[in-house]
Amino acid sequence: MPVEKKLTGRHVLLMLLGFFGVMFVANAIFVIVAVRSYPGESNEKSYFQGLQYNDKLAARTKQKELGWSAEIANLTPTAVEVEIRSNSGAALPGLVI
């Protein structure tokens, strides 16, 4: 004759603890892998770049006031030639970049 096993409160508690333990471990693994693969930043040190945002806006405004324009004139696998012109269209000789 087969022996009947009774389901006790202890068995139910162990099953619940086991189930939720497996869920917590699986979720912890998913969170760790997600944060390591994509930390949420599109730029390195984005916080520090944000602190300098007003300085960048001022530099862009100054650049627009100068009216300079830049074009890539010659692009080869080993060199890049850039032409920078003033607002009148004249080339800016001796400009060091």
C-alpha atoms as a PDB file:
ATOM      1  CA  MET A   1       0.000   0.000   0.000  1.00  0.00           C
ATOM      2  CA  PRO A   2       1.264   3.489  -0.843  1.00  0.00           C
ATOM      3  CA  VAL A   3       2.032   5.742   2.062  1.00  0.00           C
ATOM      4  CA  GLU A   4       0.067   8.969   2.122  1.00  0.00           C
ATOM      5  CA  LYS A   5       2.075  12.110   2.697  1.00  0.00           C
ATOM      6  CA  LYS A   6       0.367  14.983   4.380  1.00  0.00           C
ATOM      7  CA  LEU A   7       0.757  18.542   3.191  1.00  0.00           C
ATOM      8  CA  THR A   8       1.638  20.543   6.247  1.00  0.00           C
ATOM      9  CA  GLY A   9       2.137  24.230   6.885  1.00  0.00           C
ATOM     10  CA  ARG A  10       5.865  23.655   6.912  1.00  0.00           C
ATOM     11  CA  HIS A  11       5.751  22.220   3.374  1.00  0.00           C
ATOM     12  CA  VAL A  12       3.707  25.176   2.121  1.00  0.00           C
ATOM     13  CA  LEU A  13       6.101  27.644   3.781  1.00  0.00           C
ATOM     14  CA  LEU A  14       9.135  25.962   2.200  1.00  0.00           C
ATOM     15  CA  MET A  15       7.457  25.953  -1.230  1.00  0.00           C
ATOM     16  CA  LEU A  16       6.623  29.669  -0.945  1.00  0.00           C
ATOM     17  CA  LEU A  17      10.116  30.568   0.261  1.00  0.00           C
ATOM     18  CA  GLY A  18      11.632  28.494  -2.544  1.00  0.00           C
ATOM     19  CA  PHE A  19       9.422  30.086  -5.188  1.00  0.00           C
ATOM     20  CA  PHE A  20      10.073  33.654  -4.090  1.00  0.00           C
ATOM     21  CA  GLY A  21      13.761  32.912  -3.547  1.00  0.00           C
ATOM     22  CA  VAL A  22      14.088  31.767  -7.147  1.00  0.00           C
ATOM     23  CA  MET A  23      12.190  34.889  -8.323  1.00  0.00           C
ATOM     24  CA  PHE A  24      14.435  37.252  -6.323  1.00  0.00           C
ATOM     25  CA  VAL A  25      17.602  35.589  -7.623  1.00  0.00           C
ATOM     26  CA  ALA A  26      16.370  35.702 -11.227  1.00  0.00           C
ATOM     27  CA  ASN A  27      15.356  39.371 -10.923  1.00  0.00           C
ATOM     28  CA  ALA A  28      18.688  40.257  -9.311  1.00  0.00           C
ATOM     29  CA  ILE A  29      20.543  38.636 -12.216  1.00  0.00           C
ATOM     30  CA  PHE A  30      18.397  40.511 -14.753  1.00  0.00           C
ATOM     31  CA  VAL A  31      18.956  43.855 -13.000  1.00  0.00           C
ATOM     32  CA  ILE A  32      22.724  43.349 -12.759  1.00  0.00           C
ATOM     33  CA  VAL A  33      23.024  42.357 -16.427  1.00  0.00           C
ATOM     34  CA  ALA A  34      20.820  45.279 -17.532  1.00  0.00           C
ATOM     35  CA  VAL A  35      22.790  47.889 -15.579  1.00  0.00           C
ATOM     36  CA  ARG A  36      26.148  46.550 -16.744  1.00  0.00           C
ATOM     37  CA  SER A  37      25.106  46.411 -20.392  1.00  0.00           C
ATOM     38  CA  TYR A  38      23.443  49.850 -20.527  1.00  0.00           C
ATOM     39  CA  PRO A  39      23.981  52.165 -17.560  1.00  0.00           C
ATOM     40  CA  GLY A  40      21.587  54.759 -18.972  1.00  0.00           C
ATOM     41  CA  GLU A  41      24.178  57.298 -20.035  1.00  0.00           C
ATOM     42  CA  SER A  42      24.611  58.154 -23.670  1.00  0.00           C
ATOM     43  CA  ASN A  43      27.755  60.217 -22.982  1.00  0.00           C
ATOM     44  CA  GLU A  44      30.667  59.637 -20.682  1.00  0.00           C
ATOM     45  CA  LYS A  45      30.478  61.842 -17.577  1.00  0.00           C
ATOM     46  CA  SER A  46      27.170  63.369 -18.675  1.00  0.00           C
ATOM     47  CA  TYR A  47      26.655  64.996 -15.266  1.00  0.00           C
ATOM     48  CA  PHE A  48      29.828  67.066 -15.619  1.00  0.00           C
ATOM     49  CA  GLN A  49      28.915  67.966 -19.195  1.00  0.00           C
ATOM     50  CA  GLY A  50      25.576  69.219 -17.900  1.00  0.00           C
ATOM     51  CA  LEU A  51      27.332  71.480 -15.417  1.00  0.00           C
ATOM     52  CA  GLN A  52      29.188  73.138 -18.299  1.00  0.00           C
ATOM     53  CA  TYR A  53      26.058  73.542 -20.456  1.00  0.00           C
ATOM     54  CA  ASN A  54      25.806  77.326 -20.020  1.00  0.00           C
ATOM     55  CA  ASP A  55      29.461  77.724 -21.032  1.00  0.00           C
ATOM     56  CA  LYS A  56      28.787  75.746 -24.208  1.00  0.00           C
ATOM     57  CA  LEU A  57      25.766  77.913 -25.021  1.00  0.00           C
ATOM     58  CA  ALA A  58      27.895  81.059 -24.582  1.00  0.00           C
ATOM     59  CA  ALA A  59      30.600  79.620 -26.861  1.00  0.00           C
ATOM     60  CA  ARG A  60      28.018  78.769 -29.536  1.00  0.00           C
ATOM     61  CA  THR A  61      26.571  82.281 -29.336  1.00  0.00           C
ATOM     62  CA  LYS A  62      30.039  83.780 -29.737  1.00  0.00           C
ATOM     63  CA  GLN A  63      30.671  81.487 -32.719  1.00  0.00           C
ATOM     64  CA  LYS A  64      27.454  82.660 -34.386  1.00  0.00           C
ATOM     65  CA  GLU A  65      28.424  86.298 -33.803  1.00  0.00           C
ATOM     66  CA  LEU A  66      31.739  85.725 -35.577  1.00  0.00           C
ATOM     67  CA  GLY A  67      29.901  84.286 -38.556  1.00  0.00           C
ATOM     68  CA  TRP A  68      32.626  81.803 -39.371  1.00  0.00           C
ATOM     69  CA  SER A  69      31.817  78.711 -41.398  1.00  0.00           C
ATOM     70  CA  ALA A  70      33.747  75.493 -41.900  1.00  0.00           C
ATOM     71  CA  GLU A  71      33.695  73.008 -44.757  1.00  0.00           C
ATOM     72  CA  ILE A  72      35.512  69.786 -45.408  1.00  0.00           C
ATOM     73  CA  ALA A  73      37.327  70.513 -48.660  1.00  0.00           C
ATOM     74  CA  ASN A  74      39.304  67.350 -49.208  1.00  0.00           C
ATOM     75  CA  LEU A  75      38.758  64.056 -47.427  1.00  0.00           C
ATOM     76  CA  THR A  76      41.230  61.245 -47.966  1.00  0.00           C
ATOM     77  CA  PRO A  77      41.920  58.128 -45.899  1.00  0.00           C
ATOM     78  CA  THR A  78      45.029  59.759 -44.418  1.00  0.00           C
ATOM     79  CA  ALA A  79      44.150  63.473 -44.219  1.00  0.00           C
ATOM     80  CA  VAL A  80      41.298  65.904 -43.820  1.00  0.00           C
ATOM     81  CA  GLU A  81      41.392  69.423 -45.261  1.00  0.00           C
ATOM     82  CA  VAL A  82      39.065  71.908 -43.606  1.00  0.00           C
ATOM     83  CA  GLU A  83      38.392  75.397 -44.966  1.00  0.00           C
ATOM     84  CA  ILE A  84      37.311  77.992 -42.414  1.00  0.00           C
ATOM     85  CA  ARG A  85      35.936  81.264 -43.747  1.00  0.00           C
ATOM     86  CA  SER A  86      34.899  84.517 -42.138  1.00  0.00           C
ATOM     87  CA  ASN A  87      31.417  86.005 -42.501  1.00  0.00           C
ATOM     88  CA  SER A  88      32.619  87.867 -45.626  1.00  0.00           C
ATOM     89  CA  GLY A  89      33.658  84.574 -47.245  1.00  0.00           C
ATOM     90  CA  ALA A  90      37.395  85.210 -47.006  1.00  0.00           C
ATOM     91  CA  ALA A  91      39.615  82.336 -45.896  1.00  0.00           C
ATOM     92  CA  LEU A  92      41.211  82.627 -42.473  1.00  0.00           C
ATOM     93  CA  PRO A  93      44.936  82.019 -43.035  1.00  0.00           C
ATOM     94  CA  GLY A  94      47.174  80.872 -40.221  1.00  0.00           C
ATOM     95  CA  LEU A  95      44.349  79.550 -38.109  1.00  0.00           C
ATOM     96  CA  VAL A  96      45.620  76.793 -35.794  1.00  0.00           C
ATOM     97  CA  ILE A  97      43.203  74.060 -34.796  1.00  0.00           C
END
